[in-house]
Amino acid sequence: MARVLIVLGVLLLLAGLLWPHFSQIGLGRLPGDIVIERKNMTLYFPLMTCLLLSVLLSLVLWAVNR
């Protein structure tokens, strides 16, 4: 369990550090991401980005476990 938490922490750290680079290639503003803008509020839910990252992470974990 400790090893899994350490790996997840490292992955979150790497994702946080690489996020500006992901933004430059369009990740985070894909078609299907929900953005609601009001006068004093902006709600942003990256639905397609989450789905894409989930599929990619699932493929990587599947390949590692094989």
PDB file of N, CA and C in Angstrom:
ATOM      1  N   MET A   1       0.826  -1.190   0.000  1.00  0.00           N
ATOM      2  CA  MET A   1       0.000   0.000   0.000  1.00  0.00           C
ATOM      3  C   MET A   1       0.868   1.251   0.000  1.00  0.00           C
ATOM      4  N   ALA A   2       1.951   1.230   0.746  1.00  0.00           N
ATOM      5  CA  ALA A   2       2.836   2.390   0.812  1.00  0.00           C
ATOM      6  C   ALA A   2       3.463   2.668  -0.556  1.00  0.00           C
ATOM      7  N   ARG A   3       3.817   1.616  -1.275  1.00  0.00           N
ATOM      8  CA  ARG A   3       4.433   1.789  -2.584  1.00  0.00           C
ATOM      9  C   ARG A   3       3.453   2.442  -3.562  1.00  0.00           C
ATOM     10  N   VAL A   4       2.195   2.043  -3.502  1.00  0.00           N
ATOM     11  CA  VAL A   4       1.169   2.616  -4.376  1.00  0.00           C
ATOM     12  C   VAL A   4       0.992   4.103  -4.074  1.00  0.00           C
ATOM     13  N   LEU A   5       0.953   4.471  -2.804  1.00  0.00           N
ATOM     14  CA  LEU A   5       0.798   5.876  -2.433  1.00  0.00           C
ATOM     15  C   LEU A   5       1.999   6.711  -2.867  1.00  0.00           C
ATOM     16  N   ILE A   6       3.192   6.145  -2.763  1.00  0.00           N
ATOM     17  CA  ILE A   6       4.389   6.864  -3.206  1.00  0.00           C
ATOM     18  C   ILE A   6       4.354   7.077  -4.711  1.00  0.00           C
ATOM     19  N   VAL A   7       3.979   6.053  -5.459  1.00  0.00           N
ATOM     20  CA  VAL A   7       3.896   6.180  -6.922  1.00  0.00           C
ATOM     21  C   VAL A   7       2.838   7.206  -7.309  1.00  0.00           C
ATOM     22  N   LEU A   8       1.686   7.179  -6.657  1.00  0.00           N
ATOM     23  CA  LEU A   8       0.643   8.164  -6.955  1.00  0.00           C
ATOM     24  C   LEU A   8       1.111   9.582  -6.634  1.00  0.00           C
ATOM     25  N   GLY A   9       1.833   9.736  -5.544  1.00  0.00           N
ATOM     26  CA  GLY A   9       2.374  11.052  -5.193  1.00  0.00           C
ATOM     27  C   GLY A   9       3.365  11.555  -6.218  1.00  0.00           C
ATOM     28  N   VAL A  10       4.230  10.675  -6.691  1.00  0.00           N
ATOM     29  CA  VAL A  10       5.203  11.060  -7.719  1.00  0.00           C
ATOM     30  C   VAL A  10       4.497  11.404  -9.022  1.00  0.00           C
ATOM     31  N   LEU A  11       3.477  10.641  -9.384  1.00  0.00           N
ATOM     32  CA  LEU A  11       2.721  10.941 -10.608  1.00  0.00           C
ATOM     33  C   LEU A  11       2.011  12.290 -10.512  1.00  0.00           C
ATOM     34  N   LEU A  12       1.427  12.580  -9.354  1.00  0.00           N
ATOM     35  CA  LEU A  12       0.780  13.884  -9.163  1.00  0.00           C
ATOM     36  C   LEU A  12       1.794  15.019  -9.224  1.00  0.00           C
ATOM     37  N   LEU A  13       2.962  14.810  -8.649  1.00  0.00           N
ATOM     38  CA  LEU A  13       4.015  15.819  -8.701  1.00  0.00           C
ATOM     39  C   LEU A  13       4.454  16.074 -10.139  1.00  0.00           C
ATOM     40  N   LEU A  14       4.668  15.012 -10.896  1.00  0.00           N
ATOM     41  CA  LEU A  14       5.068  15.157 -12.301  1.00  0.00           C
ATOM     42  C   LEU A  14       3.985  15.839 -13.130  1.00  0.00           C
ATOM     43  N   ALA A  15       2.729  15.467 -12.889  1.00  0.00           N
ATOM     44  CA  ALA A  15       1.629  16.104 -13.621  1.00  0.00           C
ATOM     45  C   ALA A  15       1.567  17.595 -13.304  1.00  0.00           C
ATOM     46  N   GLY A  16       1.774  17.955 -12.058  1.00  0.00           N
ATOM     47  CA  GLY A  16       1.767  19.365 -11.672  1.00  0.00           C
ATOM     48  C   GLY A  16       2.907  20.145 -12.294  1.00  0.00           C
ATOM     49  N   LEU A  17       4.070  19.527 -12.365  1.00  0.00           N
ATOM     50  CA  LEU A  17       5.221  20.205 -12.956  1.00  0.00           C
ATOM     51  C   LEU A  17       5.104  20.325 -14.471  1.00  0.00           C
ATOM     52  N   LEU A  18       4.477  19.346 -15.103  1.00  0.00           N
ATOM     53  CA  LEU A  18       4.369  19.347 -16.561  1.00  0.00           C
ATOM     54  C   LEU A  18       3.100  20.008 -17.073  1.00  0.00           C
ATOM     55  N   TRP A  19       2.224  20.461 -16.184  1.00  0.00           N
ATOM     56  CA  TRP A  19       0.943  21.027 -16.604  1.00  0.00           C
ATOM     57  C   TRP A  19       1.094  22.209 -17.562  1.00  0.00           C
ATOM     58  N   PRO A  20       2.044  23.144 -17.348  1.00  0.00           N
ATOM     59  CA  PRO A  20       2.186  24.241 -18.330  1.00  0.00           C
ATOM     60  C   PRO A  20       2.513  23.729 -19.739  1.00  0.00           C
ATOM     61  N   HIS A  21       3.273  22.655 -19.837  1.00  0.00           N
ATOM     62  CA  HIS A  21       3.600  22.085 -21.144  1.00  0.00           C
ATOM     63  C   HIS A  21       2.391  21.396 -21.760  1.00  0.00           C
ATOM     64  N   PHE A  22       1.570  20.741 -20.908  1.00  0.00           N
ATOM     65  CA  PHE A  22       0.344  20.114 -21.399  1.00  0.00           C
ATOM     66  C   PHE A  22      -0.613  21.166 -21.940  1.00  0.00           C
ATOM     67  N   SER A  23      -0.653  22.334 -21.320  1.00  0.00           N
ATOM     68  CA  SER A  23      -1.541  23.406 -21.760  1.00  0.00           C
ATOM     69  C   SER A  23      -1.139  23.928 -23.136  1.00  0.00           C
ATOM     70  N   GLN A  24       0.157  23.942 -23.406  1.00  0.00           N
ATOM     71  CA  GLN A  24       0.635  24.439 -24.693  1.00  0.00           C
ATOM     72  C   GLN A  24       0.220  23.540 -25.849  1.00  0.00           C
ATOM     73  N   ILE A  25       0.065  22.237 -25.599  1.00  0.00           N
ATOM     74  CA  ILE A  25      -0.323  21.334 -26.683  1.00  0.00           C
ATOM     75  C   ILE A  25      -1.828  21.163 -26.767  1.00  0.00           C
ATOM     76  N   GLY A  26      -2.573  21.887 -25.927  1.00  0.00           N
ATOM     77  CA  GLY A  26      -4.027  21.857 -26.021  1.00  0.00           C
ATOM     78  C   GLY A  26      -4.713  20.976 -25.007  1.00  0.00           C
ATOM     79  N   LEU A  27      -3.951  20.266 -24.187  1.00  0.00           N
ATOM     80  CA  LEU A  27      -4.559  19.419 -23.176  1.00  0.00           C
ATOM     81  C   LEU A  27      -5.162  20.305 -22.096  1.00  0.00           C
ATOM     82  N   GLY A  28      -6.430  20.141 -21.845  1.00  0.00           N
ATOM     83  CA  GLY A  28      -7.129  20.979 -20.890  1.00  0.00           C
ATOM     84  C   GLY A  28      -8.144  21.892 -21.555  1.00  0.00           C
ATOM     85  N   ARG A  29      -8.082  21.989 -22.863  1.00  0.00           N
ATOM     86  CA  ARG A  29      -9.052  22.783 -23.632  1.00  0.00           C
ATOM     87  C   ARG A  29      -9.537  21.986 -24.837  1.00  0.00           C
ATOM     88  N   LEU A  30      -9.890  20.737 -24.591  1.00  0.00           N
ATOM     89  CA  LEU A  30     -10.360  19.868 -25.662  1.00  0.00           C
ATOM     90  C   LEU A  30     -11.849  20.086 -25.907  1.00  0.00           C
ATOM     91  N   PRO A  31     -12.323  19.743 -27.111  1.00  0.00           N
ATOM     92  CA  PRO A  31     -13.768  19.772 -27.337  1.00  0.00           C
ATOM     93  C   PRO A  31     -14.435  18.778 -26.390  1.00  0.00           C
ATOM     94  N   GLY A  32     -15.454  19.200 -25.714  1.00  0.00           N
ATOM     95  CA  GLY A  32     -16.116  18.358 -24.736  1.00  0.00           C
ATOM     96  C   GLY A  32     -15.838  18.795 -23.312  1.00  0.00           C
ATOM     97  N   ASP A  33     -14.826  19.637 -23.108  1.00  0.00           N
ATOM     98  CA  ASP A  33     -14.588  20.214 -21.793  1.00  0.00           C
ATOM     99  C   ASP A  33     -15.665  21.258 -21.531  1.00  0.00           C
ATOM    100  N   ILE A  34     -16.210  21.262 -20.339  1.00  0.00           N
ATOM    101  CA  ILE A  34     -17.339  22.127 -20.009  1.00  0.00           C
ATOM    102  C   ILE A  34     -16.834  23.408 -19.361  1.00  0.00           C
ATOM    103  N   VAL A  35     -17.201  24.548 -19.936  1.00  0.00           N
ATOM    104  CA  VAL A  35     -16.846  25.853 -19.381  1.00  0.00           C
ATOM    105  C   VAL A  35     -18.119  26.683 -19.287  1.00  0.00           C
ATOM    106  N   ILE A  36     -18.452  27.123 -18.079  1.00  0.00           N
ATOM    107  CA  ILE A  36     -19.608  27.989 -17.865  1.00  0.00           C
ATOM    108  C   ILE A  36     -19.096  29.294 -17.287  1.00  0.00           C
ATOM    109  N   GLU A  37     -19.314  30.385 -18.013  1.00  0.00           N
ATOM    110  CA  GLU A  37     -18.845  31.696 -17.564  1.00  0.00           C
ATOM    111  C   GLU A  37     -20.045  32.572 -17.234  1.00  0.00           C
ATOM    112  N   ARG A  38     -20.032  33.132 -16.044  1.00  0.00           N
ATOM    113  CA  ARG A  38     -21.051  34.076 -15.582  1.00  0.00           C
ATOM    114  C   ARG A  38     -20.364  35.400 -15.281  1.00  0.00           C
ATOM    115  N   LYS A  39     -21.139  36.363 -14.763  1.00  0.00           N
ATOM    116  CA  LYS A  39     -20.562  37.670 -14.459  1.00  0.00           C
ATOM    117  C   LYS A  39     -19.380  37.572 -13.494  1.00  0.00           C
ATOM    118  N   ASN A  40     -19.578  36.877 -12.396  1.00  0.00           N
ATOM    119  CA  ASN A  40     -18.542  36.848 -11.364  1.00  0.00           C
ATOM    120  C   ASN A  40     -18.045  35.429 -11.055  1.00  0.00           C
ATOM    121  N   MET A  41     -18.244  34.497 -11.987  1.00  0.00           N
ATOM    122  CA  MET A  41     -17.868  33.124 -11.728  1.00  0.00           C
ATOM    123  C   MET A  41     -17.547  32.401 -13.033  1.00  0.00           C
ATOM    124  N   THR A  42     -16.546  31.549 -12.981  1.00  0.00           N
ATOM    125  CA  THR A  42     -16.230  30.670 -14.100  1.00  0.00           C
ATOM    126  C   THR A  42     -16.122  29.255 -13.564  1.00  0.00           C
ATOM    127  N   LEU A  43     -16.902  28.349 -14.142  1.00  0.00           N
ATOM    128  CA  LEU A  43     -16.858  26.942 -13.771  1.00  0.00           C
ATOM    129  C   LEU A  43     -16.224  26.189 -14.933  1.00  0.00           C
ATOM    130  N   TYR A  44     -15.166  25.468 -14.649  1.00  0.00           N
ATOM    131  CA  TYR A  44     -14.447  24.731 -15.675  1.00  0.00           C
ATOM    132  C   TYR A  44     -14.350  23.277 -15.243  1.00  0.00           C
ATOM    133  N   PHE A  45     -14.906  22.373 -16.058  1.00  0.00           N
ATOM    134  CA  PHE A  45     -14.825  20.951 -15.790  1.00  0.00           C
ATOM    135  C   PHE A  45     -14.262  20.257 -17.031  1.00  0.00           C
ATOM    136  N   PRO A  46     -13.012  19.795 -16.970  1.00  0.00           N
ATOM    137  CA  PRO A  46     -12.353  19.190 -18.141  1.00  0.00           C
ATOM    138  C   PRO A  46     -12.781  17.734 -18.365  1.00  0.00           C
ATOM    139  N   LEU A  47     -13.990  17.533 -18.832  1.00  0.00           N
ATOM    140  CA  LEU A  47     -14.544  16.190 -18.989  1.00  0.00           C
ATOM    141  C   LEU A  47     -13.738  15.346 -19.975  1.00  0.00           C
ATOM    142  N   MET A  48     -13.530  15.838 -21.177  1.00  0.00           N
ATOM    143  CA  MET A  48     -12.807  15.059 -22.194  1.00  0.00           C
ATOM    144  C   MET A  48     -11.342  14.877 -21.821  1.00  0.00           C
ATOM    145  N   THR A  49     -10.757  15.876 -21.189  1.00  0.00           N
ATOM    146  CA  THR A  49      -9.373  15.745 -20.753  1.00  0.00           C
ATOM    147  C   THR A  49      -9.255  14.636 -19.719  1.00  0.00           C
ATOM    148  N   CYS A  50     -10.190  14.567 -18.786  1.00  0.00           N
ATOM    149  CA  CYS A  50     -10.183  13.506 -17.776  1.00  0.00           C
ATOM    150  C   CYS A  50     -10.359  12.135 -18.421  1.00  0.00           C
ATOM    151  N   LEU A  51     -11.262  12.035 -19.382  1.00  0.00           N
ATOM    152  CA  LEU A  51     -11.475  10.755 -20.065  1.00  0.00           C
ATOM    153  C   LEU A  51     -10.235  10.319 -20.840  1.00  0.00           C
ATOM    154  N   LEU A  52      -9.608  11.263 -21.534  1.00  0.00           N
ATOM    155  CA  LEU A  52      -8.405  10.953 -22.303  1.00  0.00           C
ATOM    156  C   LEU A  52      -7.272  10.512 -21.387  1.00  0.00           C
ATOM    157  N   LEU A  53      -7.063  11.223 -20.295  1.00  0.00           N
ATOM    158  CA  LEU A  53      -6.011  10.847 -19.356  1.00  0.00           C
ATOM    159  C   LEU A  53      -6.307   9.507 -18.697  1.00  0.00           C
ATOM    160  N   SER A  54      -7.560   9.212 -18.436  1.00  0.00           N
ATOM    161  CA  SER A  54      -7.938   7.938 -17.852  1.00  0.00           C
ATOM    162  C   SER A  54      -7.628   6.783 -18.795  1.00  0.00           C
ATOM    163  N   VAL A  55      -7.949   6.959 -20.060  1.00  0.00           N
ATOM    164  CA  VAL A  55      -7.659   5.916 -21.052  1.00  0.00           C
ATOM    165  C   VAL A  55      -6.156   5.715 -21.191  1.00  0.00           C
ATOM    166  N   LEU A  56      -5.409   6.805 -21.274  1.00  0.00           N
ATOM    167  CA  LEU A  56      -3.956   6.688 -21.409  1.00  0.00           C
ATOM    168  C   LEU A  56      -3.325   6.029 -20.190  1.00  0.00           C
ATOM    169  N   LEU A  57      -3.759   6.424 -18.996  1.00  0.00           N
ATOM    170  CA  LEU A  57      -3.219   5.822 -17.780  1.00  0.00           C
ATOM    171  C   LEU A  57      -3.592   4.348 -17.692  1.00  0.00           C
ATOM    172  N   SER A  58      -4.807   3.996 -18.088  1.00  0.00           N
ATOM    173  CA  SER A  58      -5.217   2.587 -18.091  1.00  0.00           C
ATOM    174  C   SER A  58      -4.358   1.765 -19.038  1.00  0.00           C
ATOM    175  N   LEU A  59      -4.064   2.306 -20.221  1.00  0.00           N
ATOM    176  CA  LEU A  59      -3.209   1.590 -21.166  1.00  0.00           C
ATOM    177  C   LEU A  59      -1.795   1.425 -20.635  1.00  0.00           C
ATOM    178  N   VAL A  60      -1.264   2.457 -20.004  1.00  0.00           N
ATOM    179  CA  VAL A  60       0.096   2.370 -19.450  1.00  0.00           C
ATOM    180  C   VAL A  60       0.132   1.333 -18.329  1.00  0.00           C
ATOM    181  N   LEU A  61      -0.834   1.361 -17.427  1.00  0.00           N
ATOM    182  CA  LEU A  61      -0.848   0.399 -16.334  1.00  0.00           C
ATOM    183  C   LEU A  61      -1.063  -1.028 -16.843  1.00  0.00           C
ATOM    184  N   TRP A  62      -1.891  -1.179 -17.877  1.00  0.00           N
ATOM    185  CA  TRP A  62      -2.098  -2.500 -18.471  1.00  0.00           C
ATOM    186  C   TRP A  62      -0.786  -3.020 -19.073  1.00  0.00           C
ATOM    187  N   ALA A  63      -0.044  -2.139 -19.761  1.00  0.00           N
ATOM    188  CA  ALA A  63       1.216  -2.542 -20.375  1.00  0.00           C
ATOM    189  C   ALA A  63       2.274  -2.880 -19.319  1.00  0.00           C
ATOM    190  N   VAL A  64       2.282  -2.154 -18.225  1.00  0.00           N
ATOM    191  CA  VAL A  64       3.257  -2.410 -17.163  1.00  0.00           C
ATOM    192  C   VAL A  64       2.970  -3.734 -16.472  1.00  0.00           C
ATOM    193  N   ASN A  65       1.697  -4.045 -16.279  1.00  0.00           N
ATOM    194  CA  ASN A  65       1.330  -5.289 -15.590  1.00  0.00           C
ATOM    195  C   ASN A  65       1.448  -6.530 -16.463  1.00  0.00           C
ATOM    196  N   ARG A  66       1.615  -6.381 -17.744  1.00  0.00           N
ATOM    197  CA  ARG A  66       1.748  -7.543 -18.641  1.00  0.00           C
ATOM    198  C   ARG A  66       3.083  -8.105 -18.604  1.00  0.00           C
TER     199      ARG A  66
END
